[in-house]
Amino acid sequence: MLIIIFPQRLKFRIRGGGNFGLLKPPFRLSIGTQQQNTNQMKTALRLLALIIPMVYVVDGRAQEGTKLWYPEGTRITQSGNTLTLVAPQGWSYLGRTADGSIQKIGTGASIKVSCNCTSSGNCNPAYLDGQVFCKTTNCSTCQMTTSGMVNGKNVDFVEGVYQKLSEPIRLTNINENLPEAKGLMFETEETLSKLVDFLQRTYGSTVLPELNKNSDGSWAPPANYAIVGINWCGRGVIFAVPKKASLPGGGGKNASCSCSDGSCTLKSQWVPGHGTGYSCEGNCSGTCTLTVTGFSSGGVLYNFTSFTF
């Protein structure tokens, strides 16, 4: 009897866009005697041959640096050193070019992602848990590039964001972790109008105030206000709003930004006639996270994660 045991949890994705598989420990593959189970042996070995190449062995370094967030249901294919992403119905992509202009890639259109090692070694695009990143092999400097077709021409982007304009805007639920909203969204009239409409319907003519910086570097709302997260087109942004017991978790008491490699800080975004929203930005080579803690429990209400693309 041959028993093959996988002692650790293995997460894998079928190349070409399949779903994640999860092998929980101990995963055993039992094969009887050769005389009794020759076919079983062949089947088992074929299974191993299929599974092992699908596994992305992702170390901490591979997941640092520039990343792209993509929505669930995105179709991903790979050709050489390039991934092609086609988001599900309703999701569009805003990309900023080197000259500062913003281009929109509509639903069903593809975004291409590639990685280039500018030093010795290699780096290649890989994807895991809704993120595309560059996986390095002895490469100290790896650059991710994204591009899309605009008016029949392939255009490179220096930053970008997936958004879902058809998704109803609402307050963020407790423990609802989202990718952060980005400056491109505030600069695009079609996208900004969705937020303006929500703020007008919810808070009327109230101009929502700025947050105050605490001595520990976190940020707090003025008296009688609380921080709320807003799910805006599938992305997270925070505002200070009039404090009410009905707010999720009693509302937020503090907001802070943290970076796993580098630094990032809260950046304000002015919404004409309605006040100031916030997200985290900065010189962060790792993962930048906006965390909001609540008045009621003092615990974390939600986290929003910043992505370059």
C-alpha atoms as a PDB file:
ATOM      1  CA  MET A   1       0.000   0.000   0.000  1.00  0.00           C
ATOM      2  CA  LEU A   2       1.423   3.401  -1.044  1.00  0.00           C
ATOM      3  CA  ILE A   3       0.082   6.428   0.816  1.00  0.00           C
ATOM      4  CA  ILE A   4       1.024   9.904  -0.348  1.00  0.00           C
ATOM      5  CA  ILE A   5       0.446  12.540   2.338  1.00  0.00           C
ATOM      6  CA  PHE A   6       0.360  16.291   1.849  1.00  0.00           C
ATOM      7  CA  PRO A   7       1.091  17.679   5.344  1.00  0.00           C
ATOM      8  CA  GLN A   8       0.286  21.309   4.528  1.00  0.00           C
ATOM      9  CA  ARG A   9      -2.641  23.184   3.056  1.00  0.00           C
ATOM     10  CA  LEU A  10      -2.113  23.667  -0.657  1.00  0.00           C
ATOM     11  CA  LYS A  11      -3.930  26.377  -2.570  1.00  0.00           C
ATOM     12  CA  PHE A  12      -3.809  26.191  -6.321  1.00  0.00           C
ATOM     13  CA  ARG A  13      -5.370  27.797  -9.358  1.00  0.00           C
ATOM     14  CA  ILE A  14      -5.848  26.131 -12.706  1.00  0.00           C
ATOM     15  CA  ARG A  15      -3.917  28.151 -15.239  1.00  0.00           C
ATOM     16  CA  GLY A  16      -6.261  29.799 -17.677  1.00  0.00           C
ATOM     17  CA  GLY A  17      -8.776  30.955 -15.114  1.00  0.00           C
ATOM     18  CA  GLY A  18     -10.078  27.968 -13.207  1.00  0.00           C
ATOM     19  CA  ASN A  19     -11.221  28.093  -9.616  1.00  0.00           C
ATOM     20  CA  PHE A  20      -9.102  27.693  -6.528  1.00  0.00           C
ATOM     21  CA  GLY A  21      -8.710  24.257  -5.092  1.00  0.00           C
ATOM     22  CA  LEU A  22      -7.869  23.657  -1.475  1.00  0.00           C
ATOM     23  CA  LEU A  23      -6.200  20.568  -0.076  1.00  0.00           C
ATOM     24  CA  LYS A  24      -6.554  20.454   3.678  1.00  0.00           C
ATOM     25  CA  PRO A  25      -4.075  18.512   5.802  1.00  0.00           C
ATOM     26  CA  PRO A  26      -3.572  15.671   5.909  1.00  0.00           C
ATOM     27  CA  PHE A  27      -4.476  15.019   2.275  1.00  0.00           C
ATOM     28  CA  ARG A  28      -3.966  11.320   1.626  1.00  0.00           C
ATOM     29  CA  LEU A  29      -3.887   9.534  -1.675  1.00  0.00           C
ATOM     30  CA  SER A  30      -3.990   5.774  -1.029  1.00  0.00           C
ATOM     31  CA  ILE A  31      -3.027   3.223  -3.633  1.00  0.00           C
ATOM     32  CA  GLY A  32      -3.333  -0.524  -3.103  1.00  0.00           C
ATOM     33  CA  THR A  33      -1.135  -3.324  -4.397  1.00  0.00           C
ATOM     34  CA  GLN A  34       0.045  -3.125  -7.962  1.00  0.00           C
ATOM     35  CA  GLN A  35      -1.718  -6.349  -8.834  1.00  0.00           C
ATOM     36  CA  GLN A  36      -5.070  -5.099  -7.534  1.00  0.00           C
ATOM     37  CA  ASN A  37      -4.897  -1.424  -8.348  1.00  0.00           C
ATOM     38  CA  THR A  38      -2.785  -0.810 -11.429  1.00  0.00           C
ATOM     39  CA  ASN A  39      -5.414   1.487 -12.884  1.00  0.00           C
ATOM     40  CA  GLN A  40      -5.698   3.314  -9.557  1.00  0.00           C
ATOM     41  CA  MET A  41      -1.953   3.906  -9.579  1.00  0.00           C
ATOM     42  CA  LYS A  42      -2.048   5.353 -13.088  1.00  0.00           C
ATOM     43  CA  THR A  43      -4.989   7.586 -12.212  1.00  0.00           C
ATOM     44  CA  ALA A  44      -3.283   8.823  -9.050  1.00  0.00           C
ATOM     45  CA  LEU A  45      -0.058   9.670 -10.848  1.00  0.00           C
ATOM     46  CA  ARG A  46      -1.967  11.518 -13.550  1.00  0.00           C
ATOM     47  CA  LEU A  47      -3.723  13.492 -10.806  1.00  0.00           C
ATOM     48  CA  LEU A  48      -0.411  14.435  -9.227  1.00  0.00           C
ATOM     49  CA  ALA A  49       1.003  15.438 -12.608  1.00  0.00           C
ATOM     50  CA  LEU A  50      -1.955  17.757 -13.093  1.00  0.00           C
ATOM     51  CA  ILE A  51      -1.973  19.276  -9.621  1.00  0.00           C
ATOM     52  CA  ILE A  52       1.701  19.941  -9.013  1.00  0.00           C
ATOM     53  CA  PRO A  53       2.290  22.300 -12.013  1.00  0.00           C
ATOM     54  CA  MET A  54      -0.765  24.345 -10.975  1.00  0.00           C
ATOM     55  CA  VAL A  55       0.565  25.224  -7.554  1.00  0.00           C
ATOM     56  CA  TYR A  56       1.883  28.750  -7.175  1.00  0.00           C
ATOM     57  CA  VAL A  57       4.561  28.667  -4.516  1.00  0.00           C
ATOM     58  CA  VAL A  58       4.284  32.244  -3.355  1.00  0.00           C
ATOM     59  CA  ASP A  59       6.754  33.541  -0.822  1.00  0.00           C
ATOM     60  CA  GLY A  60       6.348  36.806   1.054  1.00  0.00           C
ATOM     61  CA  ARG A  61       8.521  38.726  -1.359  1.00  0.00           C
ATOM     62  CA  ALA A  62       6.564  37.595  -4.377  1.00  0.00           C
ATOM     63  CA  GLN A  63       3.424  39.177  -2.994  1.00  0.00           C
ATOM     64  CA  GLU A  64       5.050  42.535  -2.240  1.00  0.00           C
ATOM     65  CA  GLY A  65       5.336  45.457  -4.633  1.00  0.00           C
ATOM     66  CA  THR A  66       2.991  46.619  -7.368  1.00  0.00           C
ATOM     67  CA  LYS A  67      -0.258  44.690  -7.615  1.00  0.00           C
ATOM     68  CA  LEU A  68      -3.462  44.681  -9.599  1.00  0.00           C
ATOM     69  CA  TRP A  69      -6.818  43.846  -8.016  1.00  0.00           C
ATOM     70  CA  TYR A  70      -9.430  42.090 -10.150  1.00  0.00           C
ATOM     71  CA  PRO A  71     -13.079  41.225  -9.362  1.00  0.00           C
ATOM     72  CA  GLU A  72     -14.355  37.728  -8.729  1.00  0.00           C
ATOM     73  CA  GLY A  73     -15.348  35.975 -11.942  1.00  0.00           C
ATOM     74  CA  THR A  74     -12.585  37.564 -14.032  1.00  0.00           C
ATOM     75  CA  ARG A  75     -11.336  35.291 -16.841  1.00  0.00           C
ATOM     76  CA  ILE A  76      -7.552  35.068 -16.946  1.00  0.00           C
ATOM     77  CA  THR A  77      -5.406  33.550 -19.660  1.00  0.00           C
ATOM     78  CA  GLN A  78      -1.633  33.476 -19.968  1.00  0.00           C
ATOM     79  CA  SER A  79       0.573  33.702 -23.017  1.00  0.00           C
ATOM     80  CA  GLY A  80       4.296  33.844 -22.381  1.00  0.00           C
ATOM     81  CA  ASN A  81       5.030  36.645 -19.934  1.00  0.00           C
ATOM     82  CA  THR A  82       1.616  38.288 -20.283  1.00  0.00           C
ATOM     83  CA  LEU A  83      -1.699  37.748 -18.490  1.00  0.00           C
ATOM     84  CA  THR A  84      -4.925  38.822 -20.173  1.00  0.00           C
ATOM     85  CA  LEU A  85      -7.837  39.682 -17.869  1.00  0.00           C
ATOM     86  CA  VAL A  86     -11.471  39.998 -18.907  1.00  0.00           C
ATOM     87  CA  ALA A  87     -13.659  41.159 -16.021  1.00  0.00           C
ATOM     88  CA  PRO A  88     -17.258  39.950 -15.578  1.00  0.00           C
ATOM     89  CA  GLN A  89     -20.316  41.872 -16.753  1.00  0.00           C
ATOM     90  CA  GLY A  90     -20.675  45.331 -15.235  1.00  0.00           C
ATOM     91  CA  TRP A  91     -17.015  45.923 -14.400  1.00  0.00           C
ATOM     92  CA  SER A  92     -15.052  48.557 -16.317  1.00  0.00           C
ATOM     93  CA  TYR A  93     -11.462  49.770 -15.947  1.00  0.00           C
ATOM     94  CA  LEU A  94     -10.079  53.277 -15.585  1.00  0.00           C
ATOM     95  CA  GLY A  95      -6.445  53.673 -16.564  1.00  0.00           C
ATOM     96  CA  ARG A  96      -4.184  56.704 -16.295  1.00  0.00           C
ATOM     97  CA  THR A  97      -1.583  57.136 -19.024  1.00  0.00           C
ATOM     98  CA  ALA A  98       1.882  58.689 -18.683  1.00  0.00           C
ATOM     99  CA  ASP A  99       0.574  62.068 -19.873  1.00  0.00           C
ATOM    100  CA  GLY A 100      -2.025  62.139 -17.075  1.00  0.00           C
ATOM    101  CA  SER A 101      -5.103  61.434 -19.175  1.00  0.00           C
ATOM    102  CA  ILE A 102      -7.667  58.883 -17.979  1.00  0.00           C
ATOM    103  CA  GLN A 103      -9.041  56.242 -20.319  1.00  0.00           C
ATOM    104  CA  LYS A 104     -11.991  53.914 -19.714  1.00  0.00           C
ATOM    105  CA  ILE A 105     -11.959  50.279 -20.823  1.00  0.00           C
ATOM    106  CA  GLY A 106     -15.562  49.112 -21.020  1.00  0.00           C
ATOM    107  CA  THR A 107     -17.180  45.894 -19.866  1.00  0.00           C
ATOM    108  CA  GLY A 108     -15.924  42.837 -21.724  1.00  0.00           C
ATOM    109  CA  ALA A 109     -12.703  44.492 -22.858  1.00  0.00           C
ATOM    110  CA  SER A 110      -9.377  43.017 -21.803  1.00  0.00           C
ATOM    111  CA  ILE A 111      -6.505  44.329 -19.709  1.00  0.00           C
ATOM    112  CA  LYS A 112      -3.024  42.933 -20.279  1.00  0.00           C
ATOM    113  CA  VAL A 113      -0.463  42.623 -17.473  1.00  0.00           C
ATOM    114  CA  SER A 114       3.218  41.814 -17.862  1.00  0.00           C
ATOM    115  CA  CYS A 115       6.306  41.902 -15.651  1.00  0.00           C
ATOM    116  CA  ASN A 116       9.800  42.960 -16.700  1.00  0.00           C
ATOM    117  CA  CYS A 117      12.996  42.420 -14.720  1.00  0.00           C
ATOM    118  CA  THR A 118      15.222  45.469 -15.185  1.00  0.00           C
ATOM    119  CA  SER A 119      18.136  43.796 -13.392  1.00  0.00           C
ATOM    120  CA  SER A 120      19.517  40.282 -13.658  1.00  0.00           C
ATOM    121  CA  GLY A 121      17.156  37.363 -13.095  1.00  0.00           C
ATOM    122  CA  ASN A 122      13.525  36.922 -14.103  1.00  0.00           C
ATOM    123  CA  CYS A 123      10.047  37.952 -13.034  1.00  0.00           C
ATOM    124  CA  ASN A 124       6.700  36.793 -14.311  1.00  0.00           C
ATOM    125  CA  PRO A 125       3.065  37.706 -13.631  1.00  0.00           C
ATOM    126  CA  ALA A 126       1.091  35.398 -11.362  1.00  0.00           C
ATOM    127  CA  TYR A 127      -2.313  35.638  -9.712  1.00  0.00           C
ATOM    128  CA  LEU A 128      -3.756  34.556  -6.397  1.00  0.00           C
ATOM    129  CA  ASP A 129      -6.692  35.588  -4.180  1.00  0.00           C
ATOM    130  CA  GLY A 130      -7.959  38.290  -6.532  1.00  0.00           C
ATOM    131  CA  GLN A 131      -4.545  39.867  -7.073  1.00  0.00           C
ATOM    132  CA  VAL A 132      -2.027  39.904  -9.908  1.00  0.00           C
ATOM    133  CA  PHE A 133       1.583  40.399  -8.862  1.00  0.00           C
ATOM    134  CA  CYS A 134       5.090  39.841 -10.194  1.00  0.00           C
ATOM    135  CA  LYS A 135       6.777  36.656  -9.019  1.00  0.00           C
ATOM    136  CA  THR A 136      10.543  37.083  -8.991  1.00  0.00           C
ATOM    137  CA  THR A 137      13.469  34.698  -9.446  1.00  0.00           C
ATOM    138  CA  ASN A 138      16.761  36.310  -8.426  1.00  0.00           C
ATOM    139  CA  CYS A 139      15.432  39.660  -9.660  1.00  0.00           C
ATOM    140  CA  SER A 140      15.992  42.748  -7.506  1.00  0.00           C
ATOM    141  CA  THR A 141      14.018  45.192  -9.672  1.00  0.00           C
ATOM    142  CA  CYS A 142      10.820  44.043 -11.371  1.00  0.00           C
ATOM    143  CA  GLN A 143       8.324  46.354 -13.046  1.00  0.00           C
ATOM    144  CA  MET A 144       4.652  45.566 -13.671  1.00  0.00           C
ATOM    145  CA  THR A 145       2.992  47.141 -16.705  1.00  0.00           C
ATOM    146  CA  THR A 146      -0.659  47.147 -17.707  1.00  0.00           C
ATOM    147  CA  SER A 147      -2.294  48.126 -20.953  1.00  0.00           C
ATOM    148  CA  GLY A 148      -5.614  48.114 -22.782  1.00  0.00           C
ATOM    149  CA  MET A 149      -7.115  48.887 -26.184  1.00  0.00           C
ATOM    150  CA  VAL A 150      -8.331  52.473 -26.570  1.00  0.00           C
ATOM    151  CA  ASN A 151      -9.799  53.494 -29.929  1.00  0.00           C
ATOM    152  CA  GLY A 152      -8.086  50.561 -31.601  1.00  0.00           C
ATOM    153  CA  LYS A 153      -4.655  51.298 -30.114  1.00  0.00           C
ATOM    154  CA  ASN A 154      -2.846  49.561 -27.270  1.00  0.00           C
ATOM    155  CA  VAL A 155      -2.249  52.091 -24.482  1.00  0.00           C
ATOM    156  CA  ASP A 156       0.027  51.641 -21.435  1.00  0.00           C
ATOM    157  CA  PHE A 157      -1.179  52.714 -18.000  1.00  0.00           C
ATOM    158  CA  VAL A 158       0.789  53.993 -15.004  1.00  0.00           C
ATOM    159  CA  GLU A 159      -2.086  53.272 -12.608  1.00  0.00           C
ATOM    160  CA  GLY A 160      -5.625  51.994 -12.853  1.00  0.00           C
ATOM    161  CA  VAL A 161      -8.734  50.749 -11.107  1.00  0.00           C
ATOM    162  CA  TYR A 162     -11.567  48.295 -11.725  1.00  0.00           C
ATOM    163  CA  GLN A 163     -14.997  49.733 -10.894  1.00  0.00           C
ATOM    164  CA  LYS A 164     -18.621  48.593 -11.110  1.00  0.00           C
ATOM    165  CA  LEU A 165     -20.803  51.569 -11.959  1.00  0.00           C
ATOM    166  CA  SER A 166     -24.011  49.520 -11.750  1.00  0.00           C
ATOM    167  CA  GLU A 167     -23.436  48.484  -8.119  1.00  0.00           C
ATOM    168  CA  PRO A 168     -25.675  50.408  -5.675  1.00  0.00           C
ATOM    169  CA  ILE A 169     -23.628  52.702  -3.431  1.00  0.00           C
ATOM    170  CA  ARG A 170     -24.115  52.027   0.285  1.00  0.00           C
ATOM    171  CA  LEU A 171     -22.464  52.138   3.692  1.00  0.00           C
ATOM    172  CA  THR A 172     -19.876  49.423   4.214  1.00  0.00           C
ATOM    173  CA  ASN A 173     -20.881  46.490   6.393  1.00  0.00           C
ATOM    174  CA  ILE A 174     -18.802  45.462   9.408  1.00  0.00           C
ATOM    175  CA  ASN A 175     -15.889  43.219   8.341  1.00  0.00           C
ATOM    176  CA  GLU A 176     -16.493  44.039   4.683  1.00  0.00           C
ATOM    177  CA  ASN A 177     -12.984  44.390   3.308  1.00  0.00           C
ATOM    178  CA  LEU A 178     -12.700  46.137  -0.043  1.00  0.00           C
ATOM    179  CA  PRO A 179     -10.058  47.378  -2.461  1.00  0.00           C
ATOM    180  CA  GLU A 180      -9.657  51.118  -1.973  1.00  0.00           C
ATOM    181  CA  ALA A 181     -11.108  53.808  -4.170  1.00  0.00           C
ATOM    182  CA  LYS A 182      -8.480  55.725  -6.133  1.00  0.00           C
ATOM    183  CA  GLY A 183      -7.938  59.301  -7.236  1.00  0.00           C
ATOM    184  CA  LEU A 184      -8.891  58.405 -10.818  1.00  0.00           C
ATOM    185  CA  MET A 185     -12.457  57.797  -9.656  1.00  0.00           C
ATOM    186  CA  PHE A 186     -12.741  61.298  -8.162  1.00  0.00           C
ATOM    187  CA  GLU A 187     -11.425  62.752 -11.431  1.00  0.00           C
ATOM    188  CA  THR A 188     -13.912  60.919 -13.679  1.00  0.00           C
ATOM    189  CA  GLU A 189     -17.283  62.671 -13.924  1.00  0.00           C
ATOM    190  CA  GLU A 190     -19.291  59.535 -14.665  1.00  0.00           C
ATOM    191  CA  THR A 191     -17.902  57.773 -11.590  1.00  0.00           C
ATOM    192  CA  LEU A 192     -17.918  60.788  -9.258  1.00  0.00           C
ATOM    193  CA  SER A 193     -21.576  61.549 -10.081  1.00  0.00           C
ATOM    194  CA  LYS A 194     -22.563  58.214  -8.501  1.00  0.00           C
ATOM    195  CA  LEU A 195     -20.931  59.243  -5.216  1.00  0.00           C
ATOM    196  CA  VAL A 196     -22.358  62.762  -5.336  1.00  0.00           C
ATOM    197  CA  ASP A 197     -25.867  61.380  -5.835  1.00  0.00           C
ATOM    198  CA  PHE A 198     -25.485  59.050  -2.816  1.00  0.00           C
ATOM    199  CA  LEU A 199     -24.153  61.824  -0.549  1.00  0.00           C
ATOM    200  CA  GLN A 200     -26.952  64.166  -1.609  1.00  0.00           C
ATOM    201  CA  ARG A 201     -29.667  61.584  -0.939  1.00  0.00           C
ATOM    202  CA  THR A 202     -28.139  60.482   2.376  1.00  0.00           C
ATOM    203  CA  TYR A 203     -26.758  63.703   3.925  1.00  0.00           C
ATOM    204  CA  GLY A 204     -28.450  66.438   1.925  1.00  0.00           C
ATOM    205  CA  SER A 205     -26.616  69.754   1.816  1.00  0.00           C
ATOM    206  CA  THR A 206     -24.339  68.895   4.766  1.00  0.00           C
ATOM    207  CA  VAL A 207     -20.713  69.484   3.849  1.00  0.00           C
ATOM    208  CA  LEU A 208     -18.902  66.548   5.448  1.00  0.00           C
ATOM    209  CA  PRO A 209     -15.877  67.713   7.480  1.00  0.00           C
ATOM    210  CA  GLU A 210     -12.216  66.814   7.382  1.00  0.00           C
ATOM    211  CA  LEU A 211     -10.685  64.346   9.836  1.00  0.00           C
ATOM    212  CA  ASN A 212      -8.289  65.508  12.555  1.00  0.00           C
ATOM    213  CA  LYS A 213      -4.831  63.990  12.932  1.00  0.00           C
ATOM    214  CA  ASN A 214      -4.047  62.426  16.320  1.00  0.00           C
ATOM    215  CA  SER A 215      -0.636  62.475  18.019  1.00  0.00           C
ATOM    216  CA  ASP A 216      -0.144  58.773  17.192  1.00  0.00           C
ATOM    217  CA  GLY A 217      -0.585  59.420  13.465  1.00  0.00           C
ATOM    218  CA  SER A 218      -4.143  58.079  13.224  1.00  0.00           C
ATOM    219  CA  TRP A 219      -7.104  60.234  12.216  1.00  0.00           C
ATOM    220  CA  ALA A 220     -10.339  60.985  14.078  1.00  0.00           C
ATOM    221  CA  PRO A 221     -13.625  62.687  13.198  1.00  0.00           C
ATOM    222  CA  PRO A 222     -14.720  65.986  14.821  1.00  0.00           C
ATOM    223  CA  ALA A 223     -17.054  65.892  17.832  1.00  0.00           C
ATOM    224  CA  ASN A 224     -20.503  64.453  17.078  1.00  0.00           C
ATOM    225  CA  TYR A 225     -19.212  62.829  13.880  1.00  0.00           C
ATOM    226  CA  ALA A 226     -18.167  59.264  13.100  1.00  0.00           C
ATOM    227  CA  ILE A 227     -16.187  57.653  10.289  1.00  0.00           C
ATOM    228  CA  VAL A 228     -18.085  55.487   7.827  1.00  0.00           C
ATOM    229  CA  GLY A 229     -16.902  53.381   4.943  1.00  0.00           C
ATOM    230  CA  ILE A 230     -18.778  53.669   1.678  1.00  0.00           C
ATOM    231  CA  ASN A 231     -18.859  50.955  -0.967  1.00  0.00           C
ATOM    232  CA  TRP A 232     -18.534  53.109  -4.059  1.00  0.00           C
ATOM    233  CA  CYS A 233     -18.688  51.145  -7.295  1.00  0.00           C
ATOM    234  CA  GLY A 234     -17.093  48.151  -5.569  1.00  0.00           C
ATOM    235  CA  ARG A 235     -14.302  50.208  -3.944  1.00  0.00           C
ATOM    236  CA  GLY A 236     -13.915  51.546  -0.399  1.00  0.00           C
ATOM    237  CA  VAL A 237     -13.712  55.201   0.661  1.00  0.00           C
ATOM    238  CA  ILE A 238     -14.282  56.835   4.065  1.00  0.00           C
ATOM    239  CA  PHE A 239     -16.046  60.018   5.214  1.00  0.00           C
ATOM    240  CA  ALA A 240     -16.872  61.678   8.538  1.00  0.00           C
ATOM    241  CA  VAL A 241     -20.675  61.826   8.887  1.00  0.00           C
ATOM    242  CA  PRO A 242     -23.087  62.909  11.666  1.00  0.00           C
ATOM    243  CA  LYS A 243     -22.885  60.336  14.451  1.00  0.00           C
ATOM    244  CA  LYS A 244     -25.899  58.068  14.890  1.00  0.00           C
ATOM    245  CA  ALA A 245     -26.409  54.855  16.835  1.00  0.00           C
ATOM    246  CA  SER A 246     -27.690  53.216  13.656  1.00  0.00           C
ATOM    247  CA  LEU A 247     -24.309  53.436  11.936  1.00  0.00           C
ATOM    248  CA  PRO A 248     -22.560  50.057  11.430  1.00  0.00           C
ATOM    249  CA  GLY A 249     -20.620  49.306  14.631  1.00  0.00           C
ATOM    250  CA  GLY A 250     -21.661  52.690  16.006  1.00  0.00           C
ATOM    251  CA  GLY A 251     -19.443  54.320  13.413  1.00  0.00           C
ATOM    252  CA  GLY A 252     -15.677  54.632  13.251  1.00  0.00           C
ATOM    253  CA  LYS A 253     -13.587  56.325  15.949  1.00  0.00           C
ATOM    254  CA  ASN A 254     -10.195  56.240  14.232  1.00  0.00           C
ATOM    255  CA  ALA A 255      -8.693  55.628  10.801  1.00  0.00           C
ATOM    256  CA  SER A 256      -5.078  54.726  10.096  1.00  0.00           C
ATOM    257  CA  CYS A 257      -2.867  53.673   7.194  1.00  0.00           C
ATOM    258  CA  SER A 258      -0.169  51.019   7.414  1.00  0.00           C
ATOM    259  CA  CYS A 259       2.357  49.684   4.900  1.00  0.00           C
ATOM    260  CA  SER A 260       4.162  46.361   5.060  1.00  0.00           C
ATOM    261  CA  ASP A 261       7.213  47.777   3.219  1.00  0.00           C
ATOM    262  CA  GLY A 262       7.534  51.552   3.028  1.00  0.00           C
ATOM    263  CA  SER A 263       4.976  54.138   4.073  1.00  0.00           C
ATOM    264  CA  CYS A 264       1.508  55.363   3.187  1.00  0.00           C
ATOM    265  CA  THR A 265      -0.780  57.956   4.690  1.00  0.00           C
ATOM    266  CA  LEU A 266      -4.349  59.187   4.515  1.00  0.00           C
ATOM    267  CA  LYS A 267      -5.025  61.368   1.481  1.00  0.00           C
ATOM    268  CA  SER A 268      -8.041  63.647   1.214  1.00  0.00           C
ATOM    269  CA  GLN A 269     -10.236  63.841  -1.864  1.00  0.00           C
ATOM    270  CA  TRP A 270     -12.599  66.811  -2.209  1.00  0.00           C
ATOM    271  CA  VAL A 271     -16.130  66.119  -3.435  1.00  0.00           C
ATOM    272  CA  PRO A 272     -17.593  69.465  -4.636  1.00  0.00           C
ATOM    273  CA  GLY A 273     -20.486  70.605  -2.452  1.00  0.00           C
ATOM    274  CA  HIS A 274     -20.325  67.558  -0.164  1.00  0.00           C
ATOM    275  CA  GLY A 275     -17.009  67.507   1.672  1.00  0.00           C
ATOM    276  CA  THR A 276     -13.912  65.381   2.009  1.00  0.00           C
ATOM    277  CA  GLY A 277     -13.389  61.680   1.433  1.00  0.00           C
ATOM    278  CA  TYR A 278     -10.245  59.722   2.263  1.00  0.00           C
ATOM    279  CA  SER A 279      -8.125  56.812   1.098  1.00  0.00           C
ATOM    280  CA  CYS A 280      -4.502  55.761   1.694  1.00  0.00           C
ATOM    281  CA  GLU A 281      -1.656  56.543  -0.696  1.00  0.00           C
ATOM    282  CA  GLY A 282       2.103  56.843  -0.447  1.00  0.00           C
ATOM    283  CA  ASN A 283       5.520  55.388  -1.181  1.00  0.00           C
ATOM    284  CA  CYS A 284       4.565  51.841  -0.253  1.00  0.00           C
ATOM    285  CA  SER A 285       6.392  48.968  -1.935  1.00  0.00           C
ATOM    286  CA  GLY A 286       4.363  46.428   0.024  1.00  0.00           C
ATOM    287  CA  THR A 287       0.691  46.309   0.980  1.00  0.00           C
ATOM    288  CA  CYS A 288      -0.974  49.571   2.056  1.00  0.00           C
ATOM    289  CA  THR A 289      -4.064  49.105   4.241  1.00  0.00           C
ATOM    290  CA  LEU A 290      -6.645  51.581   5.558  1.00  0.00           C
ATOM    291  CA  THR A 291      -8.060  50.373   8.891  1.00  0.00           C
ATOM    292  CA  VAL A 292     -11.102  51.826  10.686  1.00  0.00           C
ATOM    293  CA  THR A 293     -11.785  51.044  14.356  1.00  0.00           C
ATOM    294  CA  GLY A 294     -15.198  51.498  15.942  1.00  0.00           C
ATOM    295  CA  PHE A 295     -16.678  53.524  18.788  1.00  0.00           C
ATOM    296  CA  SER A 296     -18.757  50.652  20.177  1.00  0.00           C
ATOM    297  CA  SER A 297     -16.210  47.845  20.382  1.00  0.00           C
ATOM    298  CA  GLY A 298     -12.903  49.561  19.741  1.00  0.00           C
ATOM    299  CA  GLY A 299     -12.177  46.719  17.346  1.00  0.00           C
ATOM    300  CA  VAL A 300     -11.587  46.828  13.604  1.00  0.00           C
ATOM    301  CA  LEU A 301     -14.725  47.588  11.599  1.00  0.00           C
ATOM    302  CA  TYR A 302     -13.183  47.042   8.167  1.00  0.00           C
ATOM    303  CA  ASN A 303      -9.979  47.197   6.139  1.00  0.00           C
ATOM    304  CA  PHE A 304      -9.538  48.687   2.679  1.00  0.00           C
ATOM    305  CA  THR A 305      -6.451  47.701   0.670  1.00  0.00           C
ATOM    306  CA  SER A 306      -4.684  49.978  -1.782  1.00  0.00           C
ATOM    307  CA  PHE A 307      -3.561  48.719  -5.206  1.00  0.00           C
ATOM    308  CA  THR A 308      -1.582  50.456  -7.956  1.00  0.00           C
ATOM    309  CA  PHE A 309      -3.740  48.920 -10.690  1.00  0.00           C
END
